Amino acid sequence: LAAMQDEVPASVRAHYEALPHRADQCIGCRSCETRCPFGVKVAER
């Protein structure tokens, strides 16, 4: 949702900041990628 806009919308930022655990906490273990049925490179995202 954020990447579609020139600037991150305030509402999207607010929802993101309200998450108890955010992307910067990712440790890059990539275990999620082994379970993704669509081959998403989760750690990169």
PDB file of all heavy atoms in Angstrom:
ATOM      1  N   LEU A   1       0.827  -1.205   0.000  1.00  0.00           N
ATOM      2  CA  LEU A   1       0.000   0.000   0.000  1.00  0.00           C
ATOM      3  C   LEU A   1       0.864   1.259   0.000  1.00  0.00           C
ATOM      4  O   LEU A   1       0.564   2.234  -0.697  1.00  0.00           O
ATOM      5  CB  LEU A   1      -0.924   0.009   1.217  1.00  0.00           C
ATOM      6  CG  LEU A   1      -2.057  -1.024   1.216  1.00  0.00           C
ATOM      7  CD1 LEU A   1      -2.743  -1.041   2.570  1.00  0.00           C
ATOM      8  CD2 LEU A   1      -3.057  -0.735   0.110  1.00  0.00           C
ATOM      9  N   ALA A   2       1.940   1.222   0.774  1.00  0.00           N
ATOM     10  CA  ALA A   2       2.808   2.392   0.875  1.00  0.00           C
ATOM     11  C   ALA A   2       3.619   2.603  -0.399  1.00  0.00           C
ATOM     12  O   ALA A   2       3.808   3.740  -0.850  1.00  0.00           O
ATOM     13  CB  ALA A   2       3.741   2.244   2.071  1.00  0.00           C
ATOM     14  N   ALA A   3       4.099   1.506  -0.983  1.00  0.00           N
ATOM     15  CA  ALA A   3       4.971   1.609  -2.147  1.00  0.00           C
ATOM     16  C   ALA A   3       4.250   2.128  -3.383  1.00  0.00           C
ATOM     17  O   ALA A   3       4.889   2.579  -4.338  1.00  0.00           O
ATOM     18  CB  ALA A   3       5.601   0.247  -2.444  1.00  0.00           C
ATOM     19  N   MET A   4       2.922   2.068  -3.376  1.00  0.00           N
ATOM     20  CA  MET A   4       2.142   2.561  -4.511  1.00  0.00           C
ATOM     21  C   MET A   4       2.106   4.088  -4.561  1.00  0.00           C
ATOM     22  O   MET A   4       1.722   4.669  -5.576  1.00  0.00           O
ATOM     23  CB  MET A   4       0.703   2.030  -4.418  1.00  0.00           C
ATOM     24  CG  MET A   4       0.570   0.533  -4.622  1.00  0.00           C
ATOM     25  SD  MET A   4      -1.068  -0.064  -4.145  1.00  0.00           S
ATOM     26  CE  MET A   4      -2.105   0.902  -5.248  1.00  0.00           C
ATOM     27  N   GLN A   5       2.488   4.770  -3.472  1.00  0.00           N
ATOM     28  CA  GLN A   5       2.367   6.222  -3.374  1.00  0.00           C
ATOM     29  C   GLN A   5       3.752   6.877  -3.422  1.00  0.00           C
ATOM     30  O   GLN A   5       4.759   6.259  -3.104  1.00  0.00           O
ATOM     31  CB  GLN A   5       1.677   6.593  -2.044  1.00  0.00           C
ATOM     32  CG  GLN A   5       0.396   5.828  -1.757  1.00  0.00           C
ATOM     33  CD  GLN A   5      -0.706   6.144  -2.746  1.00  0.00           C
ATOM     34  OE1 GLN A   5      -0.801   7.273  -3.229  1.00  0.00           O
ATOM     35  NE2 GLN A   5      -1.543   5.158  -3.047  1.00  0.00           N
ATOM     36  N   ASP A   6       3.754   8.149  -3.826  1.00  0.00           N
ATOM     37  CA  ASP A   6       5.011   8.906  -3.824  1.00  0.00           C
ATOM     38  C   ASP A   6       5.529   9.085  -2.402  1.00  0.00           C
ATOM     39  O   ASP A   6       6.740   9.087  -2.157  1.00  0.00           O
ATOM     40  CB  ASP A   6       4.813  10.271  -4.483  1.00  0.00           C
ATOM     41  CG  ASP A   6       4.529  10.145  -5.974  1.00  0.00           C
ATOM     42  OD1 ASP A   6       4.975   9.142  -6.578  1.00  0.00           O
ATOM     43  OD2 ASP A   6       3.860  11.036  -6.522  1.00  0.00           O
ATOM     44  N   GLU A   7       4.605   9.262  -1.465  1.00  0.00           N
ATOM     45  CA  GLU A   7       4.946   9.361  -0.048  1.00  0.00           C
ATOM     46  C   GLU A   7       4.083   8.370   0.722  1.00  0.00           C
ATOM     47  O   GLU A   7       2.952   8.076   0.334  1.00  0.00           O
ATOM     48  CB  GLU A   7       4.693  10.782   0.479  1.00  0.00           C
ATOM     49  CG  GLU A   7       5.595  11.839  -0.141  1.00  0.00           C
ATOM     50  CD  GLU A   7       5.380  13.209   0.482  1.00  0.00           C
ATOM     51  OE1 GLU A   7       4.603  13.297   1.452  1.00  0.00           O
ATOM     52  OE2 GLU A   7       5.988  14.173  -0.003  1.00  0.00           O
ATOM     53  N   VAL A   8       4.614   7.881   1.819  1.00  0.00           N
ATOM     54  CA  VAL A   8       3.856   6.930   2.626  1.00  0.00           C
ATOM     55  C   VAL A   8       2.647   7.646   3.216  1.00  0.00           C
ATOM     56  O   VAL A   8       2.801   8.631   3.954  1.00  0.00           O
ATOM     57  CB  VAL A   8       4.719   6.348   3.761  1.00  0.00           C
ATOM     58  CG1 VAL A   8       3.894   5.411   4.627  1.00  0.00           C
ATOM     59  CG2 VAL A   8       5.931   5.617   3.180  1.00  0.00           C
ATOM     60  N   PRO A   9       1.426   7.196   2.917  1.00  0.00           N
ATOM     61  CA  PRO A   9       0.242   7.837   3.491  1.00  0.00           C
ATOM     62  C   PRO A   9       0.261   7.771   5.016  1.00  0.00           C
ATOM     63  O   PRO A   9       0.697   6.770   5.604  1.00  0.00           O
ATOM     64  CB  PRO A   9      -0.917   7.013   2.912  1.00  0.00           C
ATOM     65  CG  PRO A   9      -0.361   6.378   1.671  1.00  0.00           C
ATOM     66  CD  PRO A   9       1.075   6.108   1.976  1.00  0.00           C
ATOM     67  N   ALA A  10      -0.233   8.814   5.633  1.00  0.00           N
ATOM     68  CA  ALA A  10      -0.221   8.882   7.100  1.00  0.00           C
ATOM     69  C   ALA A  10      -1.000   7.726   7.716  1.00  0.00           C
ATOM     70  O   ALA A  10      -0.597   7.168   8.744  1.00  0.00           O
ATOM     71  CB  ALA A  10      -0.788  10.220   7.562  1.00  0.00           C
ATOM     72  N   SER A  11      -2.121   7.348   7.088  1.00  0.00           N
ATOM     73  CA  SER A  11      -2.937   6.272   7.650  1.00  0.00           C
ATOM     74  C   SER A  11      -2.201   4.938   7.589  1.00  0.00           C
ATOM     75  O   SER A  11      -2.267   4.130   8.526  1.00  0.00           O
ATOM     76  CB  SER A  11      -4.262   6.167   6.896  1.00  0.00           C
ATOM     77  OG  SER A  11      -4.035   5.907   5.518  1.00  0.00           O
ATOM     78  N   VAL A  12      -1.470   4.714   6.486  1.00  0.00           N
ATOM     79  CA  VAL A  12      -0.713   3.475   6.351  1.00  0.00           C
ATOM     80  C   VAL A  12       0.431   3.454   7.359  1.00  0.00           C
ATOM     81  O   VAL A  12       0.693   2.443   8.007  1.00  0.00           O
ATOM     82  CB  VAL A  12      -0.176   3.323   4.911  1.00  0.00           C
ATOM     83  CG1 VAL A  12       0.710   2.083   4.799  1.00  0.00           C
ATOM     84  CG2 VAL A  12      -1.327   3.220   3.923  1.00  0.00           C
ATOM     85  N   ARG A  13       1.107   4.598   7.501  1.00  0.00           N
ATOM     86  CA  ARG A  13       2.189   4.676   8.480  1.00  0.00           C
ATOM     87  C   ARG A  13       1.667   4.407   9.894  1.00  0.00           C
ATOM     88  O   ARG A  13       2.309   3.705  10.685  1.00  0.00           O
ATOM     89  CB  ARG A  13       2.867   6.045   8.418  1.00  0.00           C
ATOM     90  CG  ARG A  13       4.029   6.184   9.397  1.00  0.00           C
ATOM     91  CD  ARG A  13       4.723   7.535   9.271  1.00  0.00           C
ATOM     92  NE  ARG A  13       5.383   7.668   7.977  1.00  0.00           N
ATOM     93  CZ  ARG A  13       6.559   7.135   7.686  1.00  0.00           C
ATOM     94  NH1 ARG A  13       7.215   6.407   8.595  1.00  0.00           N
ATOM     95  NH2 ARG A  13       7.103   7.304   6.497  1.00  0.00           N
ATOM     96  N   ALA A  14       0.497   4.955  10.200  1.00  0.00           N
ATOM     97  CA  ALA A  14      -0.072   4.763  11.539  1.00  0.00           C
ATOM     98  C   ALA A  14      -0.369   3.290  11.800  1.00  0.00           C
ATOM     99  O   ALA A  14      -0.102   2.773  12.896  1.00  0.00           O
ATOM    100  CB  ALA A  14      -1.339   5.603  11.689  1.00  0.00           C
ATOM    101  N   HIS A  15      -0.916   2.607  10.794  1.00  0.00           N
ATOM    102  CA  HIS A  15      -1.193   1.176  10.953  1.00  0.00           C
ATOM    103  C   HIS A  15       0.111   0.390  11.122  1.00  0.00           C
ATOM    104  O   HIS A  15       0.176  -0.531  11.940  1.00  0.00           O
ATOM    105  CB  HIS A  15      -1.969   0.653   9.741  1.00  0.00           C
ATOM    106  CG  HIS A  15      -3.430   0.934   9.781  1.00  0.00           C
ATOM    107  ND1 HIS A  15      -4.027   1.955   9.084  1.00  0.00           N
ATOM    108  CD2 HIS A  15      -4.439   0.339  10.464  1.00  0.00           C
ATOM    109  CE1 HIS A  15      -5.315   1.982   9.317  1.00  0.00           C
ATOM    110  NE2 HIS A  15      -5.597   1.004  10.155  1.00  0.00           N
ATOM    111  N   TYR A  16       1.112   0.778  10.356  1.00  0.00           N
ATOM    112  CA  TYR A  16       2.397   0.083  10.465  1.00  0.00           C
ATOM    113  C   TYR A  16       3.014   0.288  11.842  1.00  0.00           C
ATOM    114  O   TYR A  16       3.487  -0.660  12.490  1.00  0.00           O
ATOM    115  CB  TYR A  16       3.353   0.584   9.374  1.00  0.00           C
ATOM    116  CG  TYR A  16       4.726  -0.053   9.446  1.00  0.00           C
ATOM    117  CD1 TYR A  16       4.934  -1.333   8.960  1.00  0.00           C
ATOM    118  CD2 TYR A  16       5.809   0.614  10.013  1.00  0.00           C
ATOM    119  CE1 TYR A  16       6.185  -1.931   9.028  1.00  0.00           C
ATOM    120  CE2 TYR A  16       7.059   0.027  10.087  1.00  0.00           C
ATOM    121  CZ  TYR A  16       7.239  -1.245   9.595  1.00  0.00           C
ATOM    122  OH  TYR A  16       8.473  -1.840   9.668  1.00  0.00           O
ATOM    123  N   GLU A  17       3.009   1.529  12.317  1.00  0.00           N
ATOM    124  CA  GLU A  17       3.640   1.826  13.596  1.00  0.00           C
ATOM    125  C   GLU A  17       2.876   1.210  14.768  1.00  0.00           C
ATOM    126  O   GLU A  17       3.436   1.033  15.850  1.00  0.00           O
ATOM    127  CB  GLU A  17       3.767   3.336  13.761  1.00  0.00           C
ATOM    128  CG  GLU A  17       4.790   3.942  12.784  1.00  0.00           C
ATOM    129  CD  GLU A  17       4.910   5.447  12.877  1.00  0.00           C
ATOM    130  OE1 GLU A  17       4.082   6.062  13.580  1.00  0.00           O
ATOM    131  OE2 GLU A  17       5.832   5.999  12.239  1.00  0.00           O
ATOM    132  N   ALA A  18       1.601   0.878  14.530  1.00  0.00           N
ATOM    133  CA  ALA A  18       0.803   0.253  15.586  1.00  0.00           C
ATOM    134  C   ALA A  18       1.069  -1.242  15.711  1.00  0.00           C
ATOM    135  O   ALA A  18       0.652  -1.872  16.693  1.00  0.00           O
ATOM    136  CB  ALA A  18      -0.681   0.487  15.321  1.00  0.00           C
ATOM    137  N   LEU A  19       1.767  -1.816  14.724  1.00  0.00           N
ATOM    138  CA  LEU A  19       2.067  -3.247  14.801  1.00  0.00           C
ATOM    139  C   LEU A  19       3.009  -3.520  15.979  1.00  0.00           C
ATOM    140  O   LEU A  19       3.977  -2.787  16.189  1.00  0.00           O
ATOM    141  CB  LEU A  19       2.738  -3.716  13.511  1.00  0.00           C
ATOM    142  CG  LEU A  19       1.889  -3.668  12.233  1.00  0.00           C
ATOM    143  CD1 LEU A  19       2.753  -4.022  11.025  1.00  0.00           C
ATOM    144  CD2 LEU A  19       0.710  -4.624  12.339  1.00  0.00           C
ATOM    145  N   PRO A  20       2.763  -4.565  16.750  1.00  0.00           N
ATOM    146  CA  PRO A  20       3.634  -4.858  17.899  1.00  0.00           C
ATOM    147  C   PRO A  20       5.042  -5.269  17.491  1.00  0.00           C
ATOM    148  O   PRO A  20       5.989  -5.084  18.254  1.00  0.00           O
ATOM    149  CB  PRO A  20       2.893  -6.001  18.618  1.00  0.00           C
ATOM    150  CG  PRO A  20       2.012  -6.609  17.581  1.00  0.00           C
ATOM    151  CD  PRO A  20       1.618  -5.492  16.668  1.00  0.00           C
ATOM    152  N   HIS A  21       5.174  -5.850  16.274  1.00  0.00           N
ATOM    153  CA  HIS A  21       6.487  -6.281  15.786  1.00  0.00           C
ATOM    154  C   HIS A  21       6.597  -5.868  14.322  1.00  0.00           C
ATOM    155  O   HIS A  21       5.773  -6.270  13.500  1.00  0.00           O
ATOM    156  CB  HIS A  21       6.661  -7.794  15.935  1.00  0.00           C
ATOM    157  CG  HIS A  21       6.494  -8.272  17.343  1.00  0.00           C
ATOM    158  ND1 HIS A  21       7.481  -8.155  18.293  1.00  0.00           N
ATOM    159  CD2 HIS A  21       5.428  -8.839  17.966  1.00  0.00           C
ATOM    160  CE1 HIS A  21       7.045  -8.644  19.441  1.00  0.00           C
ATOM    161  NE2 HIS A  21       5.797  -9.062  19.270  1.00  0.00           N
ATOM    162  N   ARG A  22       7.641  -5.094  14.021  1.00  0.00           N
ATOM    163  CA  ARG A  22       7.754  -4.522  12.679  1.00  0.00           C
ATOM    164  C   ARG A  22       8.917  -5.131  11.897  1.00  0.00           C
ATOM    165  O   ARG A  22       9.679  -5.939  12.407  1.00  0.00           O
ATOM    166  CB  ARG A  22       7.874  -3.003  12.780  1.00  0.00           C
ATOM    167  CG  ARG A  22       6.625  -2.359  13.398  1.00  0.00           C
ATOM    168  CD  ARG A  22       6.671  -0.844  13.355  1.00  0.00           C
ATOM    169  NE  ARG A  22       7.567  -0.283  14.354  1.00  0.00           N
ATOM    170  CZ  ARG A  22       7.225  -0.016  15.611  1.00  0.00           C
ATOM    171  NH1 ARG A  22       6.001  -0.270  16.037  1.00  0.00           N
ATOM    172  NH2 ARG A  22       8.108   0.497  16.441  1.00  0.00           N
ATOM    173  N   ALA A  23       9.030  -4.694  10.638  1.00  0.00           N
ATOM    174  CA  ALA A  23       9.973  -5.315   9.704  1.00  0.00           C
ATOM    175  C   ALA A  23      11.421  -5.228  10.157  1.00  0.00           C
ATOM    176  O   ALA A  23      12.224  -6.111   9.863  1.00  0.00           O
ATOM    177  CB  ALA A  23       9.812  -4.680   8.326  1.00  0.00           C
ATOM    178  N   ASP A  24      11.772  -4.152  10.890  1.00  0.00           N
ATOM    179  CA  ASP A  24      13.167  -4.004  11.299  1.00  0.00           C
ATOM    180  C   ASP A  24      13.578  -5.025  12.355  1.00  0.00           C
ATOM    181  O   ASP A  24      14.756  -5.125  12.695  1.00  0.00           O
ATOM    182  CB  ASP A  24      13.439  -2.571  11.795  1.00  0.00           C
ATOM    183  CG  ASP A  24      12.571  -2.173  12.963  1.00  0.00           C
ATOM    184  OD1 ASP A  24      11.618  -2.916  13.290  1.00  0.00           O
ATOM    185  OD2 ASP A  24      12.838  -1.117  13.557  1.00  0.00           O
ATOM    186  N   GLN A  25      12.615  -5.805  12.865  1.00  0.00           N
ATOM    187  CA  GLN A  25      12.943  -6.856  13.830  1.00  0.00           C
ATOM    188  C   GLN A  25      13.259  -8.188  13.145  1.00  0.00           C
ATOM    189  O   GLN A  25      13.633  -9.150  13.820  1.00  0.00           O
ATOM    190  CB  GLN A  25      11.791  -7.038  14.818  1.00  0.00           C
ATOM    191  CG  GLN A  25      11.579  -5.844  15.748  1.00  0.00           C
ATOM    192  CD  GLN A  25      10.403  -6.059  16.672  1.00  0.00           C
ATOM    193  OE1 GLN A  25       9.307  -5.574  16.429  1.00  0.00           O
ATOM    194  NE2 GLN A  25      10.621  -6.792  17.745  1.00  0.00           N
ATOM    195  N   CYS A  26      13.100  -8.236  11.823  1.00  0.00           N
ATOM    196  CA  CYS A  26      13.398  -9.467  11.086  1.00  0.00           C
ATOM    197  C   CYS A  26      14.874  -9.824  11.255  1.00  0.00           C
ATOM    198  O   CYS A  26      15.751  -8.982  11.075  1.00  0.00           O
ATOM    199  CB  CYS A  26      13.059  -9.279   9.606  1.00  0.00           C
ATOM    200  SG  CYS A  26      13.550 -10.657   8.555  1.00  0.00           S
ATOM    201  N   ILE A  27      15.144 -11.085  11.589  1.00  0.00           N
ATOM    202  CA  ILE A  27      16.522 -11.533  11.800  1.00  0.00           C
ATOM    203  C   ILE A  27      17.077 -12.251  10.573  1.00  0.00           C
ATOM    204  O   ILE A  27      18.191 -12.768  10.593  1.00  0.00           O
ATOM    205  CB  ILE A  27      16.618 -12.456  13.033  1.00  0.00           C
ATOM    206  CG1 ILE A  27      15.721 -13.691  12.867  1.00  0.00           C
ATOM    207  CG2 ILE A  27      16.256 -11.683  14.297  1.00  0.00           C
ATOM    208  CD1 ILE A  27      15.871 -14.716  13.977  1.00  0.00           C
ATOM    209  N   GLY A  28      16.276 -12.306   9.493  1.00  0.00           N
ATOM    210  CA  GLY A  28      16.757 -12.890   8.249  1.00  0.00           C
ATOM    211  C   GLY A  28      16.944 -14.389   8.267  1.00  0.00           C
ATOM    212  O   GLY A  28      17.755 -14.929   7.511  1.00  0.00           O
ATOM    213  N   CYS A  29      16.188 -15.098   9.101  1.00  0.00           N
ATOM    214  CA  CYS A  29      16.350 -16.555   9.182  1.00  0.00           C
ATOM    215  C   CYS A  29      15.778 -17.269   7.955  1.00  0.00           C
ATOM    216  O   CYS A  29      16.150 -18.396   7.660  1.00  0.00           O
ATOM    217  CB  CYS A  29      15.708 -17.092  10.453  1.00  0.00           C
ATOM    218  SG  CYS A  29      13.898 -17.006  10.466  1.00  0.00           S
ATOM    219  N   ARG A  30      14.824 -16.612   7.278  1.00  0.00           N
ATOM    220  CA  ARG A  30      14.213 -17.102   6.044  1.00  0.00           C
ATOM    221  C   ARG A  30      13.386 -18.376   6.221  1.00  0.00           C
ATOM    222  O   ARG A  30      13.028 -19.039   5.239  1.00  0.00           O
ATOM    223  CB  ARG A  30      15.269 -17.322   4.949  1.00  0.00           C
ATOM    224  CG  ARG A  30      16.033 -16.056   4.573  1.00  0.00           C
ATOM    225  CD  ARG A  30      17.017 -16.290   3.436  1.00  0.00           C
ATOM    226  NE  ARG A  30      17.821 -15.103   3.192  1.00  0.00           N
ATOM    227  CZ  ARG A  30      17.462 -14.100   2.378  1.00  0.00           C
ATOM    228  NH1 ARG A  30      16.301 -14.157   1.759  1.00  0.00           N
ATOM    229  NH2 ARG A  30      18.253 -13.064   2.209  1.00  0.00           N
ATOM    230  N   SER A  31      13.060 -18.739   7.440  1.00  0.00           N
ATOM    231  CA  SER A  31      12.209 -19.922   7.629  1.00  0.00           C
ATOM    232  C   SER A  31      10.838 -19.702   7.006  1.00  0.00           C
ATOM    233  O   SER A  31      10.215 -20.642   6.503  1.00  0.00           O
ATOM    234  CB  SER A  31      12.075 -20.256   9.117  1.00  0.00           C
ATOM    235  OG  SER A  31      11.465 -19.199   9.830  1.00  0.00           O
ATOM    236  N   CYS A  32      10.381 -18.456   7.024  1.00  0.00           N
ATOM    237  CA  CYS A  32       9.097 -18.127   6.406  1.00  0.00           C
ATOM    238  C   CYS A  32       9.115 -18.420   4.909  1.00  0.00           C
ATOM    239  O   CYS A  32       8.099 -18.838   4.328  1.00  0.00           O
ATOM    240  CB  CYS A  32       8.757 -16.656   6.633  1.00  0.00           C
ATOM    241  SG  CYS A  32      10.095 -15.523   6.176  1.00  0.00           S
ATOM    242  N   GLU A  33      10.268 -18.220   4.275  1.00  0.00           N
ATOM    243  CA  GLU A  33      10.361 -18.413   2.828  1.00  0.00           C
ATOM    244  C   GLU A  33      10.188 -19.878   2.446  1.00  0.00           C
ATOM    245  O   GLU A  33       9.695 -20.185   1.361  1.00  0.00           O
ATOM    246  CB  GLU A  33      11.697 -17.883   2.319  1.00  0.00           C
ATOM    247  CG  GLU A  33      11.847 -16.378   2.502  1.00  0.00           C
ATOM    248  CD  GLU A  33      13.154 -15.822   1.976  1.00  0.00           C
ATOM    249  OE1 GLU A  33      13.958 -16.599   1.411  1.00  0.00           O
ATOM    250  OE2 GLU A  33      13.369 -14.607   2.146  1.00  0.00           O
ATOM    251  N   THR A  34      10.559 -20.790   3.333  1.00  0.00           N
ATOM    252  CA  THR A  34      10.381 -22.211   3.033  1.00  0.00           C
ATOM    253  C   THR A  34       8.914 -22.605   3.058  1.00  0.00           C
ATOM    254  O   THR A  34       8.541 -23.635   2.500  1.00  0.00           O
ATOM    255  CB  THR A  34      11.159 -23.080   4.035  1.00  0.00           C
ATOM    256  OG1 THR A  34      10.561 -22.976   5.345  1.00  0.00           O
ATOM    257  CG2 THR A  34      12.614 -22.677   4.103  1.00  0.00           C
ATOM    258  N   ARG A  35       8.088 -21.802   3.727  1.00  0.00           N
ATOM    259  CA  ARG A  35       6.657 -22.117   3.816  1.00  0.00           C
ATOM    260  C   ARG A  35       5.812 -21.332   2.822  1.00  0.00           C
ATOM    261  O   ARG A  35       4.627 -21.611   2.666  1.00  0.00           O
ATOM    262  CB  ARG A  35       6.155 -21.843   5.243  1.00  0.00           C
ATOM    263  CG  ARG A  35       6.735 -22.800   6.284  1.00  0.00           C
ATOM    264  CD  ARG A  35       6.089 -22.570   7.639  1.00  0.00           C
ATOM    265  NE  ARG A  35       6.474 -21.278   8.195  1.00  0.00           N
ATOM    266  CZ  ARG A  35       7.560 -21.062   8.926  1.00  0.00           C
ATOM    267  NH1 ARG A  35       8.381 -22.058   9.176  1.00  0.00           N
ATOM    268  NH2 ARG A  35       7.832 -19.876   9.413  1.00  0.00           N
ATOM    269  N   CYS A  36       6.391 -20.341   2.187  1.00  0.00           N
ATOM    270  CA  CYS A  36       5.619 -19.496   1.270  1.00  0.00           C
ATOM    271  C   CYS A  36       5.280 -20.265   0.000  1.00  0.00           C
ATOM    272  O   CYS A  36       6.188 -20.716  -0.716  1.00  0.00           O
ATOM    273  CB  CYS A  36       6.395 -18.228   0.915  1.00  0.00           C
ATOM    274  SG  CYS A  36       5.520 -17.202  -0.286  1.00  0.00           S
ATOM    275  N   PRO A  37       4.003 -20.416  -0.324  1.00  0.00           N
ATOM    276  CA  PRO A  37       3.644 -21.162  -1.527  1.00  0.00           C
ATOM    277  C   PRO A  37       3.976 -20.429  -2.817  1.00  0.00           C
ATOM    278  O   PRO A  37       3.931 -21.015  -3.882  1.00  0.00           O
ATOM    279  CB  PRO A  37       2.133 -21.370  -1.386  1.00  0.00           C
ATOM    280  CG  PRO A  37       1.667 -20.325  -0.453  1.00  0.00           C
ATOM    281  CD  PRO A  37       2.808 -20.001   0.448  1.00  0.00           C
ATOM    282  N   PHE A  38       4.306 -19.138  -2.729  1.00  0.00           N
ATOM    283  CA  PHE A  38       4.510 -18.347  -3.931  1.00  0.00           C
ATOM    284  C   PHE A  38       5.952 -17.877  -4.117  1.00  0.00           C
ATOM    285  O   PHE A  38       6.234 -17.046  -4.980  1.00  0.00           O
ATOM    286  CB  PHE A  38       3.571 -17.136  -3.913  1.00  0.00           C
ATOM    287  CG  PHE A  38       2.145 -17.516  -3.701  1.00  0.00           C
ATOM    288  CD1 PHE A  38       1.446 -17.091  -2.571  1.00  0.00           C
ATOM    289  CD2 PHE A  38       1.501 -18.327  -4.601  1.00  0.00           C
ATOM    290  CE1 PHE A  38       0.140 -17.464  -2.366  1.00  0.00           C
ATOM    291  CE2 PHE A  38       0.187 -18.703  -4.399  1.00  0.00           C
ATOM    292  CZ  PHE A  38      -0.496 -18.280  -3.280  1.00  0.00           C
ATOM    293  N   GLY A  39       6.878 -18.385  -3.311  1.00  0.00           N
ATOM    294  CA  GLY A  39       8.280 -18.070  -3.508  1.00  0.00           C
ATOM    295  C   GLY A  39       8.656 -16.629  -3.229  1.00  0.00           C
ATOM    296  O   GLY A  39       9.598 -16.097  -3.816  1.00  0.00           O
ATOM    297  N   VAL A  40       7.925 -15.988  -2.322  1.00  0.00           N
ATOM    298  CA  VAL A  40       8.218 -14.585  -1.992  1.00  0.00           C
ATOM    299  C   VAL A  40       9.541 -14.507  -1.225  1.00  0.00           C
ATOM    300  O   VAL A  40       9.784 -15.289  -0.305  1.00  0.00           O
ATOM    301  CB  VAL A  40       7.075 -13.970  -1.149  1.00  0.00           C
ATOM    302  CG1 VAL A  40       7.437 -12.554  -0.688  1.00  0.00           C
ATOM    303  CG2 VAL A  40       5.786 -13.949  -1.950  1.00  0.00           C
ATOM    304  N   LYS A  41      10.385 -13.562  -1.608  1.00  0.00           N
ATOM    305  CA  LYS A  41      11.644 -13.330  -0.899  1.00  0.00           C
ATOM    306  C   LYS A  41      11.352 -12.428   0.301  1.00  0.00           C
ATOM    307  O   LYS A  41      11.534 -11.215   0.274  1.00  0.00           O
ATOM    308  CB  LYS A  41      12.669 -12.681  -1.830  1.00  0.00           C
ATOM    309  CG  LYS A  41      12.965 -13.489  -3.085  1.00  0.00           C
ATOM    310  CD  LYS A  41      13.531 -14.865  -2.751  1.00  0.00           C
ATOM    311  CE  LYS A  41      13.901 -15.635  -4.005  1.00  0.00           C
ATOM    312  NZ  LYS A  41      14.365 -17.021  -3.693  1.00  0.00           N
ATOM    313  N   VAL A  42      10.875 -13.049   1.354  1.00  0.00           N
ATOM    314  CA  VAL A  42      10.347 -12.312   2.497  1.00  0.00           C
ATOM    315  C   VAL A  42      11.412 -11.455   3.169  1.00  0.00           C
ATOM    316  O   VAL A  42      11.177 -10.290   3.500  1.00  0.00           O
ATOM    317  CB  VAL A  42       9.706 -13.276   3.526  1.00  0.00           C
ATOM    318  CG1 VAL A  42       9.208 -12.499   4.743  1.00  0.00           C
ATOM    319  CG2 VAL A  42       8.561 -14.050   2.888  1.00  0.00           C
ATOM    320  N   ALA A  43      12.589 -12.007   3.396  1.00  0.00           N
ATOM    321  CA  ALA A  43      13.634 -11.255   4.103  1.00  0.00           C
ATOM    322  C   ALA A  43      13.991  -9.976   3.352  1.00  0.00           C
ATOM    323  O   ALA A  43      14.206  -8.924   3.969  1.00  0.00           O
ATOM    324  CB  ALA A  43      14.871 -12.130   4.299  1.00  0.00           C
ATOM    325  N   GLU A  44      14.052 -10.064   2.030  1.00  0.00           N
ATOM    326  CA  GLU A  44      14.348  -8.871   1.238  1.00  0.00           C
ATOM    327  C   GLU A  44      13.232  -7.838   1.366  1.00  0.00           C
ATOM    328  O   GLU A  44      13.487  -6.633   1.467  1.00  0.00           O
ATOM    329  CB  GLU A  44      14.542  -9.253  -0.229  1.00  0.00           C
ATOM    330  CG  GLU A  44      15.766 -10.108  -0.483  1.00  0.00           C
ATOM    331  CD  GLU A  44      15.888 -10.543  -1.933  1.00  0.00           C
ATOM    332  OE1 GLU A  44      15.172  -9.963  -2.789  1.00  0.00           O
ATOM    333  OE2 GLU A  44      16.678 -11.460  -2.203  1.00  0.00           O
ATOM    334  N   ARG A  45      11.992  -8.320   1.371  1.00  0.00           N
ATOM    335  CA  ARG A  45      10.857  -7.398   1.511  1.00  0.00           C
ATOM    336  C   ARG A  45      10.848  -6.747   2.893  1.00  0.00           C
ATOM    337  O   ARG A  45      10.490  -5.577   3.037  1.00  0.00           O
ATOM    338  CB  ARG A  45       9.539  -8.126   1.255  1.00  0.00           C
ATOM    339  CG  ARG A  45       9.282  -8.425  -0.215  1.00  0.00           C
ATOM    340  CD  ARG A  45       7.997  -9.195  -0.401  1.00  0.00           C
ATOM    341  NE  ARG A  45       6.821  -8.433  -0.001  1.00  0.00           N
ATOM    342  CZ  ARG A  45       6.116  -7.647  -0.817  1.00  0.00           C
ATOM    343  NH1 ARG A  45       6.476  -7.486  -2.078  1.00  0.00           N
ATOM    344  NH2 ARG A  45       5.047  -7.013  -0.374  1.00  0.00           N
TER     345      ARG A  45
END
